[in-house]
């Protein structure tokens, strides 16, 4: 087994101005996760036929970018405190990103945590977006590479959050079970993620997400269906990848093979 085939978990992303705190980022592939809800929504949007998702640091930046673009070709998407900002086309609810609504559109998106996390690791060798909804497709994609994997949890306002850590544990567990396994590093983030995932079965997943603080908050805001959507294991077989010049997320093409 190549020594480079490793996986580990960062419980929160680096601050944008501290990106160099990941000094070997250019040698790694980053998987960004924001289970509730940005990564789940991005996967749904692209699976529904959106042309691309353009991540922005904030909803305000998304609004500014959108103001210079043809409004017939884009959708302005964002979230603050779980809710759609005034004047935005869509919020951060994956259930709203239907083919009829998003097909062929470029999504200009700024959220509280998820889009910022994606941009914080834009210097990685490649950046993928994962969630329970595309877990198997993500594992299949990573299985074709030898580069080390850094799982970056979006967290909540700079603090770790349980649903991201839970998914990170599921992903580490799946990568370690491959015929040519990834070796999980024994750092605190990875060990915590593995402990949280434990031997949880898919039948327990929804209840686990509903019990997390963020899951309960979304239910209180009227977004219980979003939590259910995020728990729909392997409902999609697509993997978003960050492209550059300009930064945008698109469905992945053929995976690079080492």
Foldseek 3Di string as FASTA:
>chain_A
DDPQQAEEEDLAADQLVVLCVVVCQAQAEEEEEDLVPQLPLLQLLQLLAAAWEFFDAALVVLVVVVVVDDPVAAFREEDDPRDTDPPGRYYGFSVVNHNVPHHRHYYSYGYQFRSSRQSSSVSHNWYKYDAQQALVLVLVLSVQESHYYYYHYRDGPRGGWDRSLQVLLVNQVSQCPDPPHHHYDPDPSNVSSVVSNPVDDLVCQLVVQCPTPSNVSCVVVVNVVSSVSRSPGNNDNWMWIFDPPPTITHTDDDHDHD
